[in-house]
Protein backbone atom coordinates (compact mmCIF):
# COMPACT_ATOMS: atom_id res chain seq x y z
CA UNK A 1 14.07 9.93 -52.39
CA UNK A 2 14.31 12.34 -49.44
CA UNK A 3 17.57 12.39 -47.43
CA UNK A 4 17.50 10.39 -44.22
CA UNK A 5 19.74 11.55 -41.39
CA UNK A 6 20.40 9.89 -38.10
CA UNK A 7 20.64 12.92 -35.85
CA UNK A 8 22.75 11.70 -32.90
CA UNK A 9 25.89 10.59 -34.67
CA UNK A 10 26.97 14.11 -35.63
CA UNK A 11 25.42 16.22 -32.86
CA UNK A 12 25.92 14.32 -29.62
CA UNK A 13 29.75 14.50 -29.63
CA UNK A 14 29.59 18.27 -30.03
CA UNK A 15 27.02 18.62 -27.25
CA UNK A 16 29.17 16.55 -24.89
CA UNK A 17 32.30 18.49 -25.81
CA UNK A 18 30.66 21.83 -25.07
CA UNK A 19 29.50 20.57 -21.69
CA UNK A 20 33.09 20.79 -20.45
CA UNK A 21 34.80 23.40 -22.65
CA UNK A 22 35.36 26.97 -21.44
CA UNK A 23 32.23 28.57 -22.88
CA UNK A 24 33.38 32.11 -22.24
CA UNK A 25 36.59 31.49 -24.19
CA UNK A 26 34.57 30.14 -27.13
CA UNK A 27 32.22 33.12 -27.02
CA UNK A 28 35.09 35.60 -26.84
CA UNK A 29 36.66 34.10 -29.96
CA UNK A 30 33.60 33.44 -32.09
CA UNK A 31 31.10 36.16 -31.19
CA UNK A 32 33.05 38.95 -32.97
CA UNK A 33 32.92 36.85 -36.15
CA UNK A 34 29.11 36.91 -36.25
CA UNK A 35 27.10 39.71 -37.78
CA UNK A 36 25.08 41.89 -35.42
CA UNK A 37 21.90 40.52 -36.92
CA UNK A 38 22.95 36.93 -36.32
CA UNK A 39 23.99 37.61 -32.73
CA UNK A 40 20.66 39.26 -32.06
CA UNK A 41 18.79 36.34 -33.56
CA UNK A 42 20.72 33.77 -31.52
CA UNK A 43 20.15 35.78 -28.34
CA UNK A 44 16.45 36.17 -29.09
CA UNK A 45 15.89 32.46 -29.64
CA UNK A 46 18.04 31.55 -26.65
CA UNK A 47 15.97 33.80 -24.40
CA UNK A 48 12.86 31.77 -25.17
CA UNK A 49 14.39 28.32 -24.75
CA UNK A 50 12.71 26.01 -22.23
CA UNK A 51 14.01 23.24 -20.02
CA UNK A 52 10.68 22.83 -18.18
CA UNK A 53 8.95 21.27 -21.18
CA UNK A 54 10.25 18.25 -23.05
CA UNK A 55 8.90 15.53 -25.26
CA UNK A 56 9.50 11.79 -25.26
CA UNK A 57 9.13 9.62 -28.36
CA UNK A 58 8.77 5.91 -27.70
CA UNK A 59 10.41 3.82 -30.44
CA UNK A 60 9.62 6.15 -33.36
CA UNK A 61 9.84 4.60 -36.81
CA UNK A 62 8.98 7.13 -39.52
CA UNK A 63 11.81 9.63 -40.25
CA UNK A 64 9.24 12.13 -41.52
CA UNK A 65 7.54 12.10 -38.12
CA UNK A 66 10.88 12.36 -36.32
CA UNK A 67 11.82 15.39 -38.38
CA UNK A 68 8.44 17.07 -37.94
CA UNK A 69 8.61 16.62 -34.17
CA UNK A 70 12.13 18.08 -34.11
CA UNK A 71 10.87 21.06 -36.06
CA UNK A 72 7.99 21.57 -33.63
CA UNK A 73 10.35 21.40 -30.65
CA UNK A 74 12.48 24.15 -32.16
CA UNK A 75 9.44 26.24 -33.10
CA UNK A 76 8.06 26.17 -29.55
CA UNK A 77 11.39 26.65 -27.77
CA UNK A 78 11.81 23.10 -26.43
CA UNK A 79 15.53 22.38 -26.24
CA UNK A 80 15.53 18.64 -25.59
CA UNK A 81 13.75 15.77 -27.33
CA UNK A 82 14.06 12.39 -25.61
CA UNK A 83 13.92 9.26 -27.74
CA UNK A 84 13.63 5.68 -26.51
CA UNK A 85 15.28 3.60 -29.23
CA UNK A 86 13.85 0.24 -28.33
CA UNK A 87 13.84 -1.28 -31.82
CA UNK A 88 15.75 0.98 -34.21
CA UNK A 89 17.88 4.11 -34.32
CA UNK A 90 16.09 7.43 -34.43
CA UNK A 91 16.16 9.05 -37.86
CA UNK A 92 14.95 12.41 -39.14
CA UNK A 93 14.24 13.39 -42.72
CA UNK A 94 16.39 16.47 -43.23
CA UNK A 95 14.12 17.87 -45.94
CA UNK A 96 11.31 17.98 -43.39
CA UNK A 97 13.41 19.05 -40.38
CA UNK A 98 14.54 22.21 -42.23
CA UNK A 99 17.68 22.51 -40.10
CA UNK A 100 15.95 22.03 -36.74
CA UNK A 101 18.27 19.12 -36.01
CA UNK A 102 21.04 21.71 -35.58
CA UNK A 103 19.36 23.49 -32.69
CA UNK A 104 17.45 20.84 -30.73
CA UNK A 105 19.26 18.29 -28.56
CA UNK A 106 18.14 14.72 -29.13
CA UNK A 107 18.71 12.64 -26.00
CA UNK A 108 18.85 8.94 -26.80
CA UNK A 109 17.90 6.17 -24.41
CA UNK A 110 18.48 2.49 -25.05
CA UNK A 111 15.83 1.44 -22.54
CA UNK A 112 12.66 2.80 -20.99
CA UNK A 113 14.30 2.63 -17.57
CA UNK A 114 17.09 4.93 -18.77
CA UNK A 115 14.55 7.45 -20.02
CA UNK A 116 12.53 7.39 -16.81
CA UNK A 117 15.69 7.94 -14.75
CA UNK A 118 16.75 10.88 -16.95
CA UNK A 119 13.33 12.48 -16.58
CA UNK A 120 13.20 12.51 -12.78
CA UNK A 121 11.55 15.75 -11.69
CA UNK A 122 9.22 15.82 -14.68
CA UNK A 123 5.55 14.94 -14.71
CA UNK A 124 5.20 12.32 -17.43
CA UNK A 125 1.99 12.80 -19.41
CA UNK A 126 0.93 10.16 -21.91
CA UNK A 127 -0.99 11.12 -25.01
CA UNK A 128 -4.21 9.09 -25.04
CA UNK A 129 -7.73 9.58 -26.48
CA UNK A 130 -9.18 8.95 -23.00
CA UNK A 131 -6.71 11.12 -21.05
CA UNK A 132 -8.12 13.01 -18.08
CA UNK A 133 -6.23 16.20 -18.99
CA UNK A 134 -6.92 18.52 -21.89
CA UNK A 135 -4.23 20.60 -23.61
CA UNK A 136 -5.12 23.67 -21.55
CA UNK A 137 -4.00 21.85 -18.39
CA UNK A 138 -0.44 21.34 -19.60
CA UNK A 139 0.68 24.93 -18.99
CA UNK A 140 -0.12 24.50 -15.28
CA UNK A 141 2.42 21.69 -14.79
CA UNK A 142 5.79 23.10 -13.65
CA UNK A 143 7.90 20.49 -15.45
CA UNK A 144 6.16 18.38 -18.05
CA UNK A 145 7.34 15.59 -20.34
CA UNK A 146 4.84 14.72 -23.08
CA UNK A 147 5.05 11.06 -24.05
CA UNK A 148 4.24 10.03 -27.62
CA UNK A 149 3.88 6.42 -28.68
CA UNK A 150 5.10 4.43 -31.64
CA UNK A 151 3.15 5.04 -34.86
CA UNK A 152 1.80 1.48 -34.84
CA UNK A 153 1.98 0.15 -31.26
CA UNK A 154 1.48 3.27 -29.16
CA UNK A 155 3.28 3.74 -25.83
CA UNK A 156 4.81 0.57 -24.43
CA UNK A 157 3.45 -0.77 -21.15
CA UNK A 158 6.56 0.04 -19.10
CA UNK A 159 6.60 3.68 -20.15
CA UNK A 160 2.84 4.01 -19.83
CA UNK A 161 3.04 2.86 -16.19
CA UNK A 162 5.55 5.63 -15.48
CA UNK A 163 3.10 8.29 -16.70
CA UNK A 164 1.05 9.83 -13.91
CA UNK A 165 -1.38 11.59 -16.26
CA UNK A 166 -2.89 11.25 -19.68
CA UNK A 167 -3.83 14.06 -22.05
CA UNK A 168 -6.36 13.97 -24.86
CA UNK A 169 -6.87 16.35 -27.74
CA UNK A 170 -10.60 17.05 -28.00
CA UNK A 171 -12.03 16.17 -31.43
CA UNK A 172 -15.40 16.53 -33.08
CA UNK A 173 -14.93 14.52 -36.26
CA UNK A 174 -15.02 10.83 -37.15
CA UNK A 175 -11.31 10.24 -36.53
CA UNK A 176 -10.22 9.32 -33.01
CA UNK A 177 -6.54 10.25 -33.20
CA UNK A 178 -4.05 12.45 -35.01
CA UNK A 179 -0.70 11.73 -36.60
CA UNK A 180 2.05 11.65 -33.96
CA UNK A 181 3.76 14.76 -35.28
CA UNK A 182 0.49 16.70 -35.42
CA UNK A 183 -0.27 15.66 -31.85
CA UNK A 184 3.20 16.78 -30.78
CA UNK A 185 2.83 20.22 -32.34
CA UNK A 186 -0.63 20.73 -30.88
CA UNK A 187 0.35 19.73 -27.35
CA UNK A 188 3.63 21.65 -27.39
CA UNK A 189 1.77 24.81 -28.38
CA UNK A 190 -0.38 24.48 -25.26
CA UNK A 191 2.35 23.22 -22.92
CA UNK A 192 4.67 26.12 -23.73
CA UNK A 193 1.99 28.80 -23.75
CA UNK A 194 2.78 31.65 -21.35
CA UNK A 195 6.13 30.21 -20.26
CA UNK A 196 9.22 32.37 -20.33
CA UNK A 197 12.62 31.01 -21.23
CA UNK A 198 13.94 29.18 -18.19
CA UNK A 199 17.46 27.98 -18.91
CA UNK A 200 19.94 28.63 -16.13
CA UNK A 201 22.63 31.23 -16.90
CA UNK A 202 25.21 28.44 -17.27
CA UNK A 203 22.98 26.43 -19.59
CA UNK A 204 22.29 29.50 -21.69
CA UNK A 205 25.98 30.44 -22.06
CA UNK A 206 27.02 26.91 -22.98
CA UNK A 207 24.25 26.68 -25.54
CA UNK A 208 25.16 30.08 -26.95
CA UNK A 209 28.78 29.01 -27.33
CA UNK A 210 27.70 25.86 -29.17
CA UNK A 211 25.34 27.80 -31.43
CA UNK A 212 28.16 30.18 -32.30
CA UNK A 213 30.25 27.17 -33.28
CA UNK A 214 27.40 26.00 -35.49
CA UNK A 215 27.19 29.43 -37.11
CA UNK A 216 30.75 30.68 -37.68
CA UNK A 217 32.51 29.20 -40.73
CA UNK A 218 35.40 26.87 -39.80
CA UNK A 219 34.71 27.53 -36.13
CA UNK A 220 36.50 24.43 -34.88
CA UNK A 221 39.65 25.32 -36.81
CA UNK A 222 39.54 28.80 -35.30
CA UNK A 223 39.15 27.47 -31.78
CA UNK A 224 41.92 24.93 -32.19
CA UNK A 225 44.30 27.59 -33.57
CA UNK A 226 43.64 29.75 -30.51
CA UNK A 227 44.23 26.92 -28.07
CA UNK A 228 40.64 26.00 -27.26
CA UNK A 229 40.59 22.23 -27.57
CA UNK A 230 37.41 20.22 -27.97
CA UNK A 231 37.52 16.52 -27.22
CA UNK A 232 35.05 14.78 -29.49
CA UNK A 233 34.37 11.11 -28.94
CA UNK A 234 34.74 8.89 -31.96
CA UNK A 235 36.88 11.03 -34.22
CA UNK A 236 38.93 14.11 -34.94
CA UNK A 237 37.62 17.53 -34.08
CA UNK A 238 37.38 18.52 -37.75
CA UNK A 239 35.15 15.55 -38.54
CA UNK A 240 32.16 17.77 -37.79
CA UNK A 241 33.22 20.65 -40.00
CA UNK A 242 31.20 21.31 -43.14
CA UNK A 243 33.03 20.48 -46.35
CA UNK A 244 32.38 23.86 -47.93
CA UNK A 245 33.42 25.84 -44.86
CA UNK A 246 29.99 27.13 -43.88
CA UNK A 247 30.50 26.09 -40.27
CA UNK A 248 29.47 22.92 -38.54
CA UNK A 249 26.50 21.13 -40.06
């Protein structure tokens, strides 16, 4: 049986902690402990990260789909995945995610209203076989949130009403729709096409500091020993450290 991981329980406390910590102090302590190759790779990926494109999953059920969507977000440089957990907690199959859950922020919403409020400033685009937009149109929207429905029930009525556009993936076969994770990958490829990384300098530095903490072995112990304190809700700071010392996992 494949491992099933609920992504928020271990990642969200770290993300919240790094929203307030002195990022430059973290970078100064941890960056010298990375290899040149690793620093270059982190910087390269960070330079392509996007805040102008995001994806919304409405009440996802299948952990394989959740993991595949996370993987697609990472592949196409999308930093945040929004999830409306109307019926059950979001889960991602770690064998499918291939570590993407480490690098993509999953933003959880208990209600549709919470998600809509968090996405103010974005054009919400529902995936629908009869949508008036085609994938090519997505790159023209300055800030776009692609909305994907539940595997069985689609997008709920409340969230569908908040969408100002619909997008369809043109098909020429007998099937009328694609698996939710395939749709996500296809639409993200078009939505991110031609966009440059657009994180603000502050967002980029905070994310870089967090990625260093996820990379350097025993990073939290190192920070604590040097007086950089992280306040993690729900437990001790070392609760997120990997058992074998490979860094945070």
